[in-house]
Amino acid sequence: MALETSDATFERDVLKSADPVLVDFWAPWCGPCKMVGPIIDTIAVKTEGKAKVFKLNVDENQTTACKYGITGIPTVLVFRNGVLEKQFVGLRKESDYLNALN
């Protein structure tokens, strides 16, 4: 299952991680986000020990969402060594996210 991150913990959880990190920017009212959620949770299980997977509620963490220019959700970002490597906007296949982490 994906873990939660926030404005307060994003730097520690994501930017300072030695592992690749996938972050799902979402909101509870977003229909497509509800469809991506189970995919993200599956990825968290499949990549355990190799990558970290987080969710960030954009309604509650607007500073981080704004910093990364999140204007549409769901948006999934992949970071490696604190650097943004890949961005996906909208619903994508599980394999797209997994390939971005590998």
C-alpha atoms as a PDB file:
ATOM      1  CA  MET A   1       0.000   0.000   0.000  1.00  0.00           C
ATOM      2  CA  ALA A   2       1.242   3.481  -0.835  1.00  0.00           C
ATOM      3  CA  LEU A   3       2.299   5.724   2.030  1.00  0.00           C
ATOM      4  CA  GLU A   4       1.158   9.319   2.573  1.00  0.00           C
ATOM      5  CA  THR A   5       3.515  12.258   2.196  1.00  0.00           C
ATOM      6  CA  SER A   6       2.853  15.945   2.823  1.00  0.00           C
ATOM      7  CA  ASP A   7       4.304  19.426   2.441  1.00  0.00           C
ATOM      8  CA  ALA A   8       6.055  18.887   5.786  1.00  0.00           C
ATOM      9  CA  THR A   9       7.594  15.494   4.903  1.00  0.00           C
ATOM     10  CA  PHE A  10       8.042  15.662   1.109  1.00  0.00           C
ATOM     11  CA  GLU A  11      11.722  16.607   1.212  1.00  0.00           C
ATOM     12  CA  ARG A  12      12.606  13.754   3.577  1.00  0.00           C
ATOM     13  CA  ASP A  13      10.274  11.181   1.984  1.00  0.00           C
ATOM     14  CA  VAL A  14      10.960  11.944  -1.669  1.00  0.00           C
ATOM     15  CA  LEU A  15      13.845  14.290  -2.384  1.00  0.00           C
ATOM     16  CA  LYS A  16      16.314  12.735   0.059  1.00  0.00           C
ATOM     17  CA  SER A  17      15.409   9.128  -0.700  1.00  0.00           C
ATOM     18  CA  ALA A  18      18.197   6.836  -1.882  1.00  0.00           C
ATOM     19  CA  ASP A  19      15.557   4.743  -3.681  1.00  0.00           C
ATOM     20  CA  PRO A  20      13.523   5.777  -6.726  1.00  0.00           C
ATOM     21  CA  VAL A  21      10.235   7.358  -5.634  1.00  0.00           C
ATOM     22  CA  LEU A  22       6.826   7.470  -7.295  1.00  0.00           C
ATOM     23  CA  VAL A  23       4.387  10.116  -6.032  1.00  0.00           C
ATOM     24  CA  ASP A  24       0.678  10.109  -6.849  1.00  0.00           C
ATOM     25  CA  PHE A  25      -0.790  13.634  -6.626  1.00  0.00           C
ATOM     26  CA  TRP A  26      -4.509  13.138  -6.014  1.00  0.00           C
ATOM     27  CA  ALA A  27      -7.667  14.433  -4.278  1.00  0.00           C
ATOM     28  CA  PRO A  28     -10.577  12.534  -2.709  1.00  0.00           C
ATOM     29  CA  TRP A  29     -13.173  14.156  -5.025  1.00  0.00           C
ATOM     30  CA  CYS A  30     -11.285  13.177  -8.220  1.00  0.00           C
ATOM     31  CA  GLY A  31     -12.922  10.265 -10.102  1.00  0.00           C
ATOM     32  CA  PRO A  32      -9.864   9.293 -12.179  1.00  0.00           C
ATOM     33  CA  CYS A  33      -7.757   9.456  -8.988  1.00  0.00           C
ATOM     34  CA  LYS A  34      -9.971   6.752  -7.508  1.00  0.00           C
ATOM     35  CA  MET A  35      -9.189   4.603 -10.542  1.00  0.00           C
ATOM     36  CA  VAL A  36      -5.411   5.200 -10.276  1.00  0.00           C
ATOM     37  CA  GLY A  37      -5.345   4.562  -6.508  1.00  0.00           C
ATOM     38  CA  PRO A  38      -5.493   0.746  -6.654  1.00  0.00           C
ATOM     39  CA  ILE A  39      -2.826   0.707  -9.394  1.00  0.00           C
ATOM     40  CA  ILE A  40      -0.540   2.823  -7.211  1.00  0.00           C
ATOM     41  CA  ASP A  41      -1.130   0.522  -4.228  1.00  0.00           C
ATOM     42  CA  THR A  42      -0.255  -2.520  -6.366  1.00  0.00           C
ATOM     43  CA  ILE A  43       2.949  -0.841  -7.520  1.00  0.00           C
ATOM     44  CA  ALA A  44       3.873  -0.160  -3.883  1.00  0.00           C
ATOM     45  CA  VAL A  45       3.600  -3.885  -3.148  1.00  0.00           C
ATOM     46  CA  LYS A  46       5.462  -4.969  -6.303  1.00  0.00           C
ATOM     47  CA  THR A  47       8.371  -2.552  -5.745  1.00  0.00           C
ATOM     48  CA  GLU A  48       8.740  -2.955  -1.983  1.00  0.00           C
ATOM     49  CA  GLY A  49      12.414  -2.816  -1.047  1.00  0.00           C
ATOM     50  CA  LYS A  50      13.375  -1.406  -4.471  1.00  0.00           C
ATOM     51  CA  ALA A  51      11.387   1.843  -4.654  1.00  0.00           C
ATOM     52  CA  LYS A  52       9.134   4.010  -2.506  1.00  0.00           C
ATOM     53  CA  VAL A  53       5.554   4.898  -3.398  1.00  0.00           C
ATOM     54  CA  PHE A  54       3.698   7.839  -1.892  1.00  0.00           C
ATOM     55  CA  LYS A  55       0.396   9.637  -2.300  1.00  0.00           C
ATOM     56  CA  LEU A  56       0.044  13.390  -1.805  1.00  0.00           C
ATOM     57  CA  ASN A  57      -3.399  14.943  -1.323  1.00  0.00           C
ATOM     58  CA  VAL A  58      -3.251  18.191  -3.340  1.00  0.00           C
ATOM     59  CA  ASP A  59      -6.102  19.784  -1.370  1.00  0.00           C
ATOM     60  CA  GLU A  60      -4.175  19.435   1.879  1.00  0.00           C
ATOM     61  CA  ASN A  61      -0.662  20.024   0.457  1.00  0.00           C
ATOM     62  CA  GLN A  62      -0.953  22.888  -1.989  1.00  0.00           C
ATOM     63  CA  THR A  63       2.635  24.125  -1.507  1.00  0.00           C
ATOM     64  CA  THR A  64       4.187  20.972  -2.948  1.00  0.00           C
ATOM     65  CA  ALA A  65       1.541  20.634  -5.664  1.00  0.00           C
ATOM     66  CA  CYS A  66       2.181  24.229  -6.715  1.00  0.00           C
ATOM     67  CA  LYS A  67       5.966  23.776  -6.643  1.00  0.00           C
ATOM     68  CA  TYR A  68       5.691  20.968  -9.203  1.00  0.00           C
ATOM     69  CA  GLY A  69       3.082  22.736 -11.336  1.00  0.00           C
ATOM     70  CA  ILE A  70       0.317  20.227 -10.707  1.00  0.00           C
ATOM     71  CA  THR A  71      -2.701  21.609 -12.570  1.00  0.00           C
ATOM     72  CA  GLY A  72      -4.476  18.352 -13.386  1.00  0.00           C
ATOM     73  CA  ILE A  73      -4.945  15.239 -11.338  1.00  0.00           C
ATOM     74  CA  PRO A  74      -4.144  12.461 -11.131  1.00  0.00           C
ATOM     75  CA  THR A  75      -0.533  13.343 -11.816  1.00  0.00           C
ATOM     76  CA  VAL A  76       2.200  10.832 -11.034  1.00  0.00           C
ATOM     77  CA  LEU A  77       5.804  11.974 -10.718  1.00  0.00           C
ATOM     78  CA  VAL A  78       8.868   9.734 -10.553  1.00  0.00           C
ATOM     79  CA  PHE A  79      11.983  10.980  -8.757  1.00  0.00           C
ATOM     80  CA  ARG A  80      15.477   9.504  -8.663  1.00  0.00           C
ATOM     81  CA  ASN A  81      18.124  10.984  -6.334  1.00  0.00           C
ATOM     82  CA  GLY A  82      15.832  13.950  -5.666  1.00  0.00           C
ATOM     83  CA  VAL A  83      15.477  14.785  -9.361  1.00  0.00           C
ATOM     84  CA  LEU A  84      12.172  14.675 -11.218  1.00  0.00           C
ATOM     85  CA  GLU A  85      12.592  12.140 -14.030  1.00  0.00           C
ATOM     86  CA  LYS A  86       9.131  11.391 -15.354  1.00  0.00           C
ATOM     87  CA  GLN A  87       5.633  12.877 -15.241  1.00  0.00           C
ATOM     88  CA  PHE A  88       2.334  11.205 -16.088  1.00  0.00           C
ATOM     89  CA  VAL A  89      -0.941  13.139 -16.203  1.00  0.00           C
ATOM     90  CA  GLY A  90      -4.204  11.220 -16.187  1.00  0.00           C
ATOM     91  CA  LEU A  91      -4.886   7.522 -15.956  1.00  0.00           C
ATOM     92  CA  ARG A  92      -2.082   5.283 -17.232  1.00  0.00           C
ATOM     93  CA  LYS A  93      -1.374   1.549 -17.268  1.00  0.00           C
ATOM     94  CA  GLU A  94       0.458  -0.077 -14.370  1.00  0.00           C
ATOM     95  CA  SER A  95       3.303  -1.038 -16.710  1.00  0.00           C
ATOM     96  CA  ASP A  96       3.932   2.647 -17.570  1.00  0.00           C
ATOM     97  CA  TYR A  97       4.559   3.453 -13.913  1.00  0.00           C
ATOM     98  CA  LEU A  98       6.617   0.312 -13.280  1.00  0.00           C
ATOM     99  CA  ASN A  99       8.808   0.975 -16.317  1.00  0.00           C
ATOM    100  CA  ALA A 100       9.465   4.514 -15.100  1.00  0.00           C
ATOM    101  CA  LEU A 101      10.686   3.156 -11.747  1.00  0.00           C
ATOM    102  CA  ASN A 102      13.020   0.575 -13.332  1.00  0.00           C
END
